[in-house]
Amino acid sequence: MTKKIILLLAAVMTTCSSQEFNDMDYRKTGIEFVQALVEEDFRHAYGMLTDDLRKKISEEELAQTYRDMIAYGQGPVKKIIPGEGHSDYPDMKPNELGGIYISLVGDYFVEGIAVYVCRDGDRARVREIDWGRP
């Protein structure tokens, strides 16, 4: 009886931790990243980047790129509109979880950011950013 309980407990623990890891929601990560940009919490947004991406762009460059993208608008972003996202596209990288396009809406402007999220250890992190409308 004890052996069955231990095996059952081990199976449940493995399933739970595996499920949590597989269910890392790239959409939530992408939305959190864009929301941090909109709130100008650039430190938080920068912390969500992979180490490789942080080697290519500084926190200040991240902030300036975002500000430049919306500079022609009259005022700040008032609303973000997340797209569906995709987790199965031809050029996915190893450990990539998916990508999401998020529209940013302000007075007299609409912009967008595509965010690609990957598994980085036990976290979902932003691997790549495509700035602006396609």
Protein backbone atom coordinates (compact mmCIF):
# COMPACT_ATOMS: atom_id res chain seq x y z
CA MET A 1 0.00 0.00 0.00
CA THR A 2 2.77 2.44 0.94
CA LYS A 3 4.60 1.71 -2.32
CA LYS A 4 1.44 2.50 -4.33
CA ILE A 5 0.94 5.78 -2.49
CA ILE A 6 4.56 6.80 -3.06
CA LEU A 7 4.33 5.96 -6.77
CA LEU A 8 1.04 7.85 -7.07
CA LEU A 9 2.50 10.85 -5.23
CA ALA A 10 5.58 10.80 -7.48
CA ALA A 11 3.39 10.66 -10.59
CA VAL A 12 1.26 13.57 -9.38
CA MET A 13 4.32 15.68 -8.51
CA THR A 14 5.92 14.98 -11.89
CA THR A 15 2.71 15.80 -13.73
CA CYS A 16 2.20 19.04 -11.81
CA SER A 17 5.71 20.38 -12.30
CA SER A 18 5.77 19.27 -15.92
CA GLN A 19 2.33 20.82 -16.51
CA GLU A 20 3.39 24.13 -14.97
CA PHE A 21 6.49 24.25 -17.15
CA ASN A 22 4.65 23.31 -20.34
CA ASP A 23 1.89 25.80 -19.67
CA MET A 24 4.23 28.82 -19.48
CA ASP A 25 1.98 31.27 -21.22
CA TYR A 26 3.93 33.19 -23.84
CA ARG A 27 0.87 35.38 -24.33
CA LYS A 28 0.90 36.50 -20.68
CA THR A 29 4.64 37.15 -20.86
CA GLY A 30 4.24 39.20 -24.04
CA ILE A 31 1.36 41.20 -22.59
CA GLU A 32 3.23 41.80 -19.31
CA PHE A 33 6.26 43.00 -21.27
CA VAL A 34 4.26 45.44 -23.41
CA GLN A 35 2.28 46.65 -20.38
CA ALA A 36 5.59 47.40 -18.62
CA LEU A 37 6.68 49.45 -21.65
CA VAL A 38 3.37 51.35 -21.72
CA GLU A 39 3.68 52.09 -17.99
CA GLU A 40 7.29 53.13 -18.64
CA ASP A 41 8.52 50.53 -16.16
CA PHE A 42 11.56 49.93 -18.34
CA ARG A 43 13.51 48.21 -15.59
CA HIS A 44 10.84 45.50 -15.35
CA ALA A 45 10.56 45.19 -19.13
CA TYR A 46 14.34 44.93 -19.47
CA GLY A 47 14.43 42.23 -16.79
CA MET A 48 12.07 40.15 -18.91
CA LEU A 49 14.59 39.92 -21.78
CA THR A 50 16.87 36.93 -22.34
CA ASP A 51 20.54 37.40 -21.54
CA ASP A 52 21.34 37.27 -25.27
CA LEU A 53 18.91 40.10 -26.03
CA ARG A 54 20.23 42.15 -23.10
CA LYS A 55 23.70 41.89 -24.67
CA LYS A 56 22.30 43.55 -27.82
CA ILE A 57 20.24 46.33 -26.25
CA SER A 58 20.57 48.38 -23.08
CA GLU A 59 17.70 49.40 -20.83
CA GLU A 60 18.06 52.96 -22.11
CA GLU A 61 17.93 51.80 -25.75
CA LEU A 62 14.83 49.75 -25.00
CA ALA A 63 13.13 52.81 -23.50
CA GLN A 64 14.20 55.10 -26.34
CA THR A 65 13.07 52.65 -29.05
CA TYR A 66 9.63 52.44 -27.44
CA ARG A 67 9.36 56.22 -27.04
CA ASP A 68 10.49 56.83 -30.63
CA MET A 69 7.88 54.38 -31.92
CA ILE A 70 4.97 56.30 -30.37
CA ALA A 71 6.45 59.83 -30.54
CA TYR A 72 4.28 60.91 -33.48
CA GLY A 73 1.10 60.24 -31.50
CA GLN A 74 -0.67 62.80 -29.39
CA GLY A 75 -0.12 61.54 -25.88
CA PRO A 76 0.48 58.13 -24.37
CA VAL A 77 -0.82 54.68 -25.27
CA LYS A 78 -4.32 54.37 -23.85
CA LYS A 79 -5.08 50.76 -24.65
CA ILE A 80 -3.27 47.59 -25.66
CA ILE A 81 -4.99 44.95 -27.76
CA PRO A 82 -3.32 41.53 -27.72
CA GLY A 83 -3.62 39.33 -30.78
CA GLU A 84 -4.14 35.59 -30.63
CA GLY A 85 -0.49 34.64 -30.69
CA HIS A 86 1.11 31.64 -32.34
CA SER A 87 3.04 28.72 -30.95
CA ASP A 88 3.63 26.80 -34.16
CA TYR A 89 5.39 28.65 -36.96
CA PRO A 90 8.08 27.44 -39.35
CA ASP A 91 11.09 29.37 -38.05
CA MET A 92 10.62 28.74 -34.32
CA LYS A 93 13.88 28.62 -32.41
CA PRO A 94 14.80 25.91 -29.87
CA ASN A 95 12.98 26.47 -26.56
CA GLU A 96 10.70 29.05 -28.17
CA LEU A 97 7.20 29.07 -26.68
CA GLY A 98 5.46 31.39 -29.13
CA GLY A 99 4.96 34.89 -30.39
CA ILE A 100 2.24 37.48 -30.00
CA TYR A 101 1.46 40.73 -31.78
CA ILE A 102 0.07 43.45 -29.55
CA SER A 103 -1.51 46.66 -30.83
CA LEU A 104 -0.95 49.90 -28.94
CA VAL A 105 -3.69 52.49 -29.33
CA GLY A 106 -3.46 56.17 -28.46
CA ASP A 107 -5.01 59.41 -29.66
CA TYR A 108 -4.68 59.40 -33.45
CA PHE A 109 -2.23 56.52 -33.63
CA VAL A 110 -2.05 52.75 -33.61
CA GLU A 111 1.27 50.95 -33.35
CA GLY A 112 2.24 47.41 -32.59
CA ILE A 113 4.91 45.20 -31.11
CA ALA A 114 5.53 41.55 -31.92
CA VAL A 115 7.07 39.74 -28.96
CA TYR A 116 8.71 36.31 -29.23
CA VAL A 117 8.99 34.39 -25.99
CA CYS A 118 11.22 31.43 -25.16
CA ARG A 119 11.85 29.10 -22.27
CA ASP A 120 14.91 30.29 -20.35
CA GLY A 121 15.59 27.96 -17.45
CA ASP A 122 12.39 27.93 -15.44
CA ARG A 123 11.06 31.23 -16.82
CA ALA A 124 9.51 32.56 -19.97
CA ARG A 125 11.58 35.45 -21.34
CA VAL A 126 11.42 37.78 -24.32
CA ARG A 127 13.83 36.55 -27.01
CA GLU A 128 13.03 39.01 -29.78
CA ILE A 129 11.03 42.20 -30.35
CA ASP A 130 9.71 43.49 -33.68
CA TRP A 131 8.86 47.17 -33.26
CA GLY A 132 6.09 48.92 -35.15
CA ARG A 133 3.31 47.90 -37.49
CA PRO A 134 4.20 45.40 -40.19
